[in-house]
N, C-alpha and C. Protein backbone atom coordinates (compact mmCIF):
# COMPACT_ATOMS: atom_id res chain seq x y z
N MET A 1 -7.43 19.29 -62.40
CA MET A 1 -6.07 19.90 -61.99
C MET A 1 -5.94 20.85 -61.22
N LYS A 2 -5.19 20.54 -60.27
CA LYS A 2 -4.90 21.33 -58.98
C LYS A 2 -3.80 21.87 -58.77
N ASN A 3 -3.60 23.45 -58.61
CA ASN A 3 -2.85 24.11 -58.71
C ASN A 3 -1.84 24.37 -57.50
N ILE A 4 -0.45 24.94 -57.52
CA ILE A 4 0.63 24.29 -57.37
C ILE A 4 0.91 25.77 -56.79
N TYR A 5 1.16 26.03 -55.39
CA TYR A 5 1.84 27.76 -55.19
C TYR A 5 3.33 27.57 -54.19
N LEU A 6 4.04 28.70 -54.56
CA LEU A 6 5.31 28.70 -53.90
C LEU A 6 4.57 29.31 -52.27
N ILE A 7 5.26 29.73 -51.85
CA ILE A 7 4.82 30.16 -50.03
C ILE A 7 4.47 31.71 -50.61
N LYS A 8 5.06 32.25 -51.33
CA LYS A 8 4.84 34.04 -51.72
C LYS A 8 3.80 33.59 -52.93
N ASP A 9 3.47 32.79 -53.41
CA ASP A 9 2.01 33.25 -54.01
C ASP A 9 0.78 32.43 -53.02
N LEU A 10 1.66 31.73 -51.96
CA LEU A 10 0.44 31.55 -51.10
C LEU A 10 0.11 32.82 -49.99
N SER A 11 0.88 33.46 -49.76
CA SER A 11 0.67 34.76 -49.27
C SER A 11 -0.10 35.40 -50.36
N ARG A 12 0.09 35.66 -51.51
CA ARG A 12 -0.64 36.98 -52.48
C ARG A 12 -1.78 36.47 -51.96
N ARG A 13 -2.22 35.05 -52.29
CA ARG A 13 -3.59 34.91 -52.49
C ARG A 13 -4.48 34.79 -51.41
N SER A 14 -3.45 34.15 -50.44
CA SER A 14 -4.36 34.27 -48.99
C SER A 14 -4.66 35.26 -48.12
N GLY A 15 -3.94 36.36 -48.34
CA GLY A 15 -3.84 37.72 -47.53
C GLY A 15 -3.20 37.30 -46.36
N ASN A 16 -2.34 36.16 -46.11
CA ASN A 16 -1.90 36.26 -44.81
C ASN A 16 0.11 36.79 -45.39
N SER A 17 0.71 37.27 -44.06
CA SER A 17 1.71 37.32 -44.78
C SER A 17 2.56 35.66 -44.78
N ILE A 18 3.60 35.86 -45.10
CA ILE A 18 4.59 34.84 -45.47
C ILE A 18 5.29 34.37 -44.19
N HIS A 19 5.52 35.52 -42.76
CA HIS A 19 5.82 35.08 -41.89
C HIS A 19 4.71 34.30 -40.92
N THR A 20 3.55 34.50 -41.33
CA THR A 20 2.37 33.98 -40.93
C THR A 20 1.98 33.01 -41.65
N ILE A 21 2.31 32.54 -42.40
CA ILE A 21 2.44 31.08 -42.89
C ILE A 21 3.57 30.49 -42.26
N LYS A 22 4.60 31.00 -42.34
CA LYS A 22 5.84 30.04 -41.69
C LYS A 22 5.52 29.42 -40.16
N TYR A 23 4.52 30.84 -39.62
CA TYR A 23 4.42 30.11 -38.25
C TYR A 23 3.25 29.34 -38.05
N TYR A 24 2.10 28.83 -38.57
CA TYR A 24 1.25 28.14 -39.33
C TYR A 24 2.02 27.12 -39.43
N LEU A 25 3.16 26.67 -40.68
CA LEU A 25 3.83 25.68 -40.94
C LEU A 25 4.31 24.97 -39.57
N LYS A 26 5.32 26.19 -38.68
CA LYS A 26 6.08 25.39 -37.22
C LYS A 26 5.19 25.22 -36.54
N ILE A 27 3.65 25.50 -36.13
CA ILE A 27 2.74 24.73 -34.80
C ILE A 27 1.75 23.46 -35.82
N GLY A 28 2.01 23.34 -36.84
CA GLY A 28 1.46 21.82 -37.38
C GLY A 28 0.00 22.72 -37.67
N LEU A 29 -0.31 23.99 -37.69
CA LEU A 29 -1.51 24.26 -38.89
C LEU A 29 -1.74 23.85 -40.21
N LEU A 30 -0.38 24.06 -40.84
CA LEU A 30 -0.50 24.41 -42.22
C LEU A 30 0.27 23.16 -42.50
N HIS A 31 0.28 22.52 -43.84
CA HIS A 31 1.33 21.35 -44.36
C HIS A 31 1.93 21.86 -46.02
N GLU A 32 2.75 21.51 -45.89
CA GLU A 32 3.51 21.59 -47.70
C GLU A 32 2.88 20.66 -48.03
N ILE A 33 2.87 20.45 -49.13
CA ILE A 33 2.40 19.20 -50.22
C ILE A 33 3.81 18.45 -50.37
N GLY A 34 4.93 19.80 -50.60
CA GLY A 34 6.29 18.69 -51.05
C GLY A 34 7.23 20.03 -50.87
N ARG A 35 8.44 19.61 -51.12
CA ARG A 35 9.52 20.48 -51.46
C ARG A 35 9.86 20.18 -52.90
N SER A 36 11.20 21.18 -53.43
CA SER A 36 11.55 21.30 -54.74
C SER A 36 13.48 20.37 -54.13
N PRO A 37 13.66 19.28 -54.64
CA PRO A 37 15.32 19.13 -54.44
C PRO A 37 15.97 19.83 -54.34
N GLU A 38 15.88 20.26 -55.69
CA GLU A 38 17.03 21.98 -56.13
C GLU A 38 17.35 23.03 -54.99
N THR A 39 15.95 23.42 -54.67
CA THR A 39 15.98 24.71 -54.41
C THR A 39 15.75 24.70 -52.98
N ASN A 40 14.45 23.20 -52.29
CA ASN A 40 14.44 23.36 -50.78
C ASN A 40 12.66 24.28 -51.07
N PHE A 41 12.28 24.67 -52.43
CA PHE A 41 11.22 25.69 -51.89
C PHE A 41 10.16 24.60 -51.51
N ARG A 42 9.06 25.38 -50.74
CA ARG A 42 7.66 24.88 -50.13
C ARG A 42 6.95 24.47 -51.04
N TYR A 43 6.17 23.70 -51.37
CA TYR A 43 5.00 23.96 -52.72
C TYR A 43 3.48 23.61 -52.15
N PHE A 44 3.06 24.37 -52.08
CA PHE A 44 1.51 24.09 -51.44
C PHE A 44 0.38 23.73 -52.44
N ASP A 45 -0.89 23.55 -52.01
CA ASP A 45 -1.91 23.36 -53.30
C ASP A 45 -3.16 24.00 -52.79
N ASP A 46 -4.32 23.95 -53.68
CA ASP A 46 -5.51 24.60 -53.30
C ASP A 46 -5.95 24.30 -52.32
N SER A 47 -5.77 23.09 -51.59
CA SER A 47 -6.31 23.04 -50.09
C SER A 47 -5.14 23.59 -48.92
N SER A 48 -4.34 23.83 -49.46
CA SER A 48 -3.56 24.91 -48.20
C SER A 48 -4.23 26.37 -48.51
N LEU A 49 -4.82 26.71 -49.37
CA LEU A 49 -5.04 28.15 -49.76
C LEU A 49 -6.47 28.25 -48.84
N GLU A 50 -7.23 26.73 -49.18
CA GLU A 50 -8.35 26.80 -48.45
C GLU A 50 -8.16 26.74 -47.06
N MET A 51 -7.23 26.10 -46.26
CA MET A 51 -7.03 26.39 -44.72
C MET A 51 -6.79 27.44 -44.24
N LEU A 52 -5.92 27.84 -45.20
CA LEU A 52 -5.84 29.51 -44.38
C LEU A 52 -6.88 30.50 -44.72
N GLN A 53 -7.34 30.29 -45.88
CA GLN A 53 -8.98 31.05 -45.59
C GLN A 53 -10.02 30.69 -44.42
N GLN A 54 -9.92 29.04 -44.27
CA GLN A 54 -10.95 29.27 -43.29
C GLN A 54 -10.32 29.75 -42.09
N VAL A 55 -9.10 29.24 -41.65
CA VAL A 55 -8.25 29.95 -40.23
C VAL A 55 -8.68 31.58 -40.32
N ARG A 56 -8.18 32.71 -41.78
CA ARG A 56 -8.32 33.69 -41.42
C ARG A 56 -10.02 33.78 -40.93
N ARG A 57 -10.99 33.55 -41.58
CA ARG A 57 -12.20 33.00 -41.01
C ARG A 57 -12.72 33.29 -39.74
N LEU A 58 -12.15 31.75 -39.59
CA LEU A 58 -12.16 31.80 -37.47
C LEU A 58 -11.43 32.75 -37.04
N ARG A 59 -10.21 33.46 -37.41
CA ARG A 59 -9.46 34.35 -36.47
C ARG A 59 -10.49 35.87 -36.54
N GLN A 60 -10.72 35.96 -37.82
CA GLN A 60 -11.92 36.95 -37.27
C GLN A 60 -13.06 37.06 -37.00
N GLU A 61 -13.34 36.03 -36.33
CA GLU A 61 -14.49 35.65 -35.98
C GLU A 61 -14.11 35.54 -34.14
N GLY A 62 -12.78 35.67 -33.97
CA GLY A 62 -12.43 35.89 -32.50
C GLY A 62 -11.68 34.44 -31.99
N LYS A 63 -11.31 33.38 -32.64
CA LYS A 63 -11.50 32.10 -32.38
C LYS A 63 -9.46 32.02 -32.05
N SER A 64 -9.51 31.39 -31.20
CA SER A 64 -7.75 31.65 -30.69
C SER A 64 -6.93 30.69 -31.90
N ILE A 65 -5.83 30.55 -32.09
CA ILE A 65 -5.07 29.72 -32.74
C ILE A 65 -5.18 28.12 -32.27
N SER A 66 -5.14 27.91 -31.00
CA SER A 66 -5.11 26.51 -30.20
C SER A 66 -6.89 26.31 -30.40
N GLU A 67 -7.92 27.33 -30.56
CA GLU A 67 -8.72 26.84 -30.43
C GLU A 67 -9.23 26.17 -32.34
N ILE A 68 -8.56 26.66 -33.10
CA ILE A 68 -8.63 26.66 -34.66
C ILE A 68 -8.00 25.29 -34.74
N LYS A 69 -6.51 24.92 -33.83
CA LYS A 69 -6.00 23.68 -34.41
C LYS A 69 -7.02 22.29 -34.22
N ARG A 70 -7.79 22.65 -32.88
CA ARG A 70 -8.48 21.21 -32.14
C ARG A 70 -10.07 21.41 -33.56
N LYS A 71 -10.17 22.07 -33.98
CA LYS A 71 -11.51 22.26 -34.64
C LYS A 71 -11.08 21.52 -36.19
N VAL A 72 -10.01 22.04 -36.68
CA VAL A 72 -9.08 21.60 -37.78
C VAL A 72 -9.04 20.09 -37.44
N SER A 73 -8.22 19.69 -36.61
CA SER A 73 -7.89 18.50 -36.09
C SER A 73 -8.94 17.30 -35.78
N VAL A 74 -10.01 18.05 -35.46
CA VAL A 74 -11.25 17.19 -35.33
C VAL A 74 -12.20 16.86 -36.88
N ALA A 75 -12.12 17.85 -37.99
CA ALA A 75 -12.22 17.93 -38.69
C ALA A 75 -11.35 17.01 -40.15
N ASP A 76 -10.50 16.92 -39.38
CA ASP A 76 -9.62 16.09 -40.41
C ASP A 76 -9.78 14.56 -39.88
N LYS A 77 -10.62 14.33 -38.78
CA LYS A 77 -10.77 13.00 -38.28
C LYS A 77 -11.70 12.13 -39.23
């Protein structure tokens, strides 16, 4: 069974700010798994949390966002 998170929960679990998560969504580095039809809240799962943890590690290694996007897009193929 996979866990479902709201953006605030994802922020707390990943250590990234909500602002940062929204930025990653905007640039296509992170994707929501769905939205609530009533509230329009975004939903995320464990793969979203893993992605944020990977991005955080790569940023700590000094990688740029564009380098991370390239690395992630290659890994997805």
